[in-house]
N, C-alpha and C. Protein backbone atom coordinates (compact mmCIF):
# COMPACT_ATOMS: atom_id res chain seq x y z
N MET A 1 -138.60 -59.42 -49.09
CA MET A 1 -137.91 -59.71 -47.85
C MET A 1 -136.48 -59.18 -47.88
N THR A 2 -135.94 -58.98 -49.02
CA THR A 2 -134.56 -58.50 -49.10
C THR A 2 -134.49 -56.99 -49.33
N ASP A 3 -135.52 -56.28 -48.94
CA ASP A 3 -135.60 -54.83 -49.15
C ASP A 3 -134.95 -54.05 -48.01
N GLY A 4 -133.78 -54.47 -47.59
CA GLY A 4 -133.09 -53.79 -46.50
C GLY A 4 -133.36 -54.42 -45.15
N THR A 5 -134.20 -55.44 -45.10
CA THR A 5 -134.50 -56.13 -43.86
C THR A 5 -133.28 -56.92 -43.41
N GLU A 6 -132.94 -56.80 -42.14
CA GLU A 6 -131.84 -57.59 -41.58
C GLU A 6 -132.29 -59.04 -41.46
N LEU A 7 -131.47 -59.95 -41.96
CA LEU A 7 -131.79 -61.37 -41.90
C LEU A 7 -130.95 -62.06 -40.84
N THR A 8 -131.54 -63.08 -40.23
CA THR A 8 -130.88 -63.84 -39.18
C THR A 8 -131.00 -65.32 -39.52
N CYS A 9 -129.92 -66.06 -39.32
CA CYS A 9 -129.94 -67.50 -39.53
C CYS A 9 -130.59 -68.16 -38.32
N VAL A 10 -131.62 -68.98 -38.57
CA VAL A 10 -132.31 -69.66 -37.47
C VAL A 10 -132.06 -71.17 -37.49
N PHE A 11 -131.46 -71.68 -38.57
CA PHE A 11 -131.17 -73.12 -38.64
C PHE A 11 -130.13 -73.36 -39.73
N VAL A 12 -129.25 -74.31 -39.48
CA VAL A 12 -128.28 -74.76 -40.47
C VAL A 12 -128.35 -76.28 -40.51
N GLY A 13 -128.49 -76.83 -41.70
CA GLY A 13 -128.57 -78.28 -41.83
C GLY A 13 -128.62 -78.70 -43.28
N SER A 14 -129.15 -79.90 -43.49
CA SER A 14 -129.25 -80.42 -44.86
C SER A 14 -130.34 -79.69 -45.63
N LEU A 15 -130.26 -79.75 -46.93
CA LEU A 15 -131.24 -79.11 -47.79
C LEU A 15 -132.64 -79.66 -47.49
N VAL A 16 -132.76 -80.95 -47.26
CA VAL A 16 -134.05 -81.57 -46.98
C VAL A 16 -134.65 -80.99 -45.70
N ASP A 17 -133.85 -80.93 -44.63
CA ASP A 17 -134.34 -80.38 -43.36
C ASP A 17 -134.72 -78.91 -43.50
N VAL A 18 -133.88 -78.15 -44.15
CA VAL A 18 -134.14 -76.72 -44.30
C VAL A 18 -135.43 -76.48 -45.09
N LYS A 19 -135.64 -77.24 -46.15
CA LYS A 19 -136.88 -77.09 -46.94
C LYS A 19 -138.10 -77.44 -46.09
N TYR A 20 -137.99 -78.48 -45.26
CA TYR A 20 -139.10 -78.87 -44.39
C TYR A 20 -139.45 -77.73 -43.43
N TYR A 21 -138.42 -77.18 -42.76
CA TYR A 21 -138.66 -76.10 -41.81
C TYR A 21 -139.18 -74.84 -42.52
N LYS A 22 -138.69 -74.59 -43.71
CA LYS A 22 -139.17 -73.44 -44.49
C LYS A 22 -140.66 -73.57 -44.77
N GLU A 23 -141.10 -74.74 -45.13
CA GLU A 23 -142.53 -74.97 -45.40
C GLU A 23 -143.36 -74.75 -44.14
N ARG A 24 -142.87 -75.23 -43.00
CA ARG A 24 -143.60 -75.04 -41.74
C ARG A 24 -143.67 -73.55 -41.38
N LEU A 25 -142.58 -72.83 -41.59
CA LEU A 25 -142.59 -71.39 -41.30
C LEU A 25 -143.54 -70.66 -42.24
N ASP A 26 -143.58 -71.07 -43.50
CA ASP A 26 -144.51 -70.46 -44.46
C ASP A 26 -145.95 -70.61 -43.97
N GLU A 27 -146.28 -71.76 -43.37
CA GLU A 27 -147.62 -72.00 -42.84
C GLU A 27 -147.96 -71.01 -41.71
N LEU A 28 -146.94 -70.52 -41.01
CA LEU A 28 -147.13 -69.55 -39.93
C LEU A 28 -146.96 -68.11 -40.42
N ALA A 29 -146.89 -67.94 -41.72
CA ALA A 29 -146.71 -66.63 -42.36
C ALA A 29 -145.38 -65.97 -41.97
N ILE A 30 -144.36 -66.80 -41.79
CA ILE A 30 -143.00 -66.30 -41.54
C ILE A 30 -142.21 -66.50 -42.82
N SER A 31 -141.87 -65.42 -43.47
CA SER A 31 -141.09 -65.50 -44.71
C SER A 31 -139.67 -65.93 -44.40
N SER A 32 -139.10 -66.73 -45.28
CA SER A 32 -137.73 -67.20 -45.07
C SER A 32 -137.02 -67.39 -46.40
N LEU A 33 -135.71 -67.45 -46.33
CA LEU A 33 -134.87 -67.67 -47.50
C LEU A 33 -133.88 -68.78 -47.20
N LEU A 34 -133.48 -69.49 -48.24
CA LEU A 34 -132.43 -70.51 -48.13
C LEU A 34 -131.12 -69.92 -48.63
N LYS A 35 -130.06 -70.24 -47.94
CA LYS A 35 -128.72 -69.86 -48.41
C LYS A 35 -127.94 -71.17 -48.54
N ASP A 36 -127.69 -71.57 -49.77
CA ASP A 36 -127.07 -72.86 -50.05
C ASP A 36 -125.72 -72.64 -50.73
N ASP A 37 -124.68 -72.47 -49.94
CA ASP A 37 -123.34 -72.23 -50.48
C ASP A 37 -122.80 -73.45 -51.22
N PHE A 38 -123.26 -74.65 -50.84
CA PHE A 38 -122.78 -75.86 -51.51
C PHE A 38 -123.17 -75.85 -52.98
N SER A 39 -124.45 -75.64 -53.26
CA SER A 39 -124.91 -75.61 -54.65
C SER A 39 -124.27 -74.46 -55.41
N SER A 40 -124.18 -73.32 -54.77
CA SER A 40 -123.54 -72.17 -55.42
C SER A 40 -122.08 -72.47 -55.73
N GLY A 41 -121.40 -73.07 -54.78
CA GLY A 41 -119.98 -73.39 -54.98
C GLY A 41 -119.78 -74.44 -56.05
N THR A 42 -120.69 -75.41 -56.12
CA THR A 42 -120.59 -76.45 -57.13
C THR A 42 -120.74 -75.87 -58.52
N ILE A 43 -121.63 -74.91 -58.67
CA ILE A 43 -121.87 -74.29 -59.97
C ILE A 43 -120.61 -73.60 -60.49
N VAL A 44 -119.90 -72.92 -59.60
CA VAL A 44 -118.70 -72.20 -60.04
C VAL A 44 -117.42 -73.01 -59.88
N GLY A 45 -117.56 -74.24 -59.37
CA GLY A 45 -116.41 -75.14 -59.31
C GLY A 45 -115.54 -75.03 -58.08
N ILE A 46 -116.04 -74.44 -56.99
CA ILE A 46 -115.20 -74.35 -55.79
C ILE A 46 -115.68 -75.24 -54.65
N GLY A 47 -116.80 -75.94 -54.84
CA GLY A 47 -117.28 -76.87 -53.83
C GLY A 47 -117.92 -76.18 -52.64
N GLY A 48 -118.07 -76.94 -51.57
CA GLY A 48 -118.71 -76.45 -50.36
C GLY A 48 -119.08 -77.62 -49.48
N VAL A 49 -119.75 -77.33 -48.39
CA VAL A 49 -120.16 -78.38 -47.45
C VAL A 49 -121.65 -78.67 -47.69
N PRO A 50 -122.00 -79.94 -48.02
CA PRO A 50 -123.37 -80.25 -48.42
C PRO A 50 -124.42 -80.10 -47.32
N ASN A 51 -124.06 -80.21 -46.06
CA ASN A 51 -125.04 -80.11 -44.98
C ASN A 51 -124.95 -78.78 -44.26
N SER A 52 -124.68 -77.72 -44.99
CA SER A 52 -124.58 -76.41 -44.36
C SER A 52 -125.48 -75.39 -45.04
N VAL A 53 -126.70 -75.81 -45.35
CA VAL A 53 -127.68 -74.90 -45.92
C VAL A 53 -128.26 -74.08 -44.76
N GLU A 54 -128.38 -72.77 -44.95
CA GLU A 54 -128.88 -71.89 -43.91
C GLU A 54 -130.32 -71.48 -44.20
N LEU A 55 -131.11 -71.39 -43.12
CA LEU A 55 -132.47 -70.89 -43.22
C LEU A 55 -132.48 -69.51 -42.56
N LEU A 56 -132.81 -68.50 -43.35
CA LEU A 56 -132.76 -67.11 -42.89
C LEU A 56 -134.17 -66.53 -42.79
N VAL A 57 -134.39 -65.74 -41.73
CA VAL A 57 -135.65 -65.03 -41.56
C VAL A 57 -135.35 -63.60 -41.16
N ALA A 58 -136.36 -62.74 -41.24
CA ALA A 58 -136.21 -61.36 -40.78
C ALA A 58 -135.94 -61.38 -39.28
N GLU A 59 -135.10 -60.45 -38.82
CA GLU A 59 -134.73 -60.40 -37.40
C GLU A 59 -135.95 -60.39 -36.49
N GLU A 60 -136.99 -59.67 -36.86
CA GLU A 60 -138.17 -59.59 -35.99
C GLU A 60 -138.95 -60.89 -35.90
N ASP A 61 -138.71 -61.83 -36.84
CA ASP A 61 -139.38 -63.14 -36.82
C ASP A 61 -138.50 -64.25 -36.25
N ALA A 62 -137.27 -63.94 -35.92
CA ALA A 62 -136.29 -64.97 -35.53
C ALA A 62 -136.73 -65.77 -34.31
N GLU A 63 -137.19 -65.10 -33.27
CA GLU A 63 -137.58 -65.80 -32.05
C GLU A 63 -138.73 -66.76 -32.30
N LYS A 64 -139.74 -66.30 -33.02
CA LYS A 64 -140.89 -67.16 -33.34
C LYS A 64 -140.46 -68.33 -34.23
N ALA A 65 -139.58 -68.08 -35.19
CA ALA A 65 -139.10 -69.13 -36.09
C ALA A 65 -138.30 -70.18 -35.32
N ARG A 66 -137.41 -69.74 -34.43
CA ARG A 66 -136.63 -70.69 -33.63
C ARG A 66 -137.52 -71.54 -32.74
N ALA A 67 -138.54 -70.92 -32.15
CA ALA A 67 -139.47 -71.66 -31.29
C ALA A 67 -140.21 -72.73 -32.11
N CYS A 68 -140.62 -72.38 -33.32
CA CYS A 68 -141.30 -73.34 -34.20
C CYS A 68 -140.38 -74.51 -34.54
N ILE A 69 -139.15 -74.20 -34.91
CA ILE A 69 -138.18 -75.25 -35.27
C ILE A 69 -137.88 -76.13 -34.08
N ASP A 70 -137.73 -75.54 -32.90
CA ASP A 70 -137.49 -76.33 -31.68
C ASP A 70 -138.62 -77.31 -31.42
N GLU A 71 -139.85 -76.85 -31.58
CA GLU A 71 -141.03 -77.72 -31.38
C GLU A 71 -141.04 -78.87 -32.39
N LEU A 72 -140.74 -78.55 -33.64
CA LEU A 72 -140.71 -79.59 -34.67
C LEU A 72 -139.62 -80.61 -34.39
N GLN A 73 -138.48 -80.18 -33.88
CA GLN A 73 -137.38 -81.10 -33.58
C GLN A 73 -137.73 -82.01 -32.41
N LYS A 74 -138.52 -81.52 -31.47
CA LYS A 74 -138.92 -82.33 -30.31
C LYS A 74 -139.90 -83.42 -30.72
N GLY A 75 -140.74 -83.12 -31.72
CA GLY A 75 -141.79 -84.04 -32.15
C GLY A 75 -141.29 -85.07 -33.05
């Protein structure tokens, strides 16, 4: 997925929420990545914001991923 593919953030939230949405996207065959600056910052000692984990997908999957997340949030 990181082979030059442009990535788009489709959700920002807690690690728990992002992992849940990632699993749902995986079920729809939408590949995604987590970007967790908080954990990265903690490791190197600069900190970060704990509820700002990003869920990234390929640009061509962004619309479908956002629609899936919106449906899950409504339910």
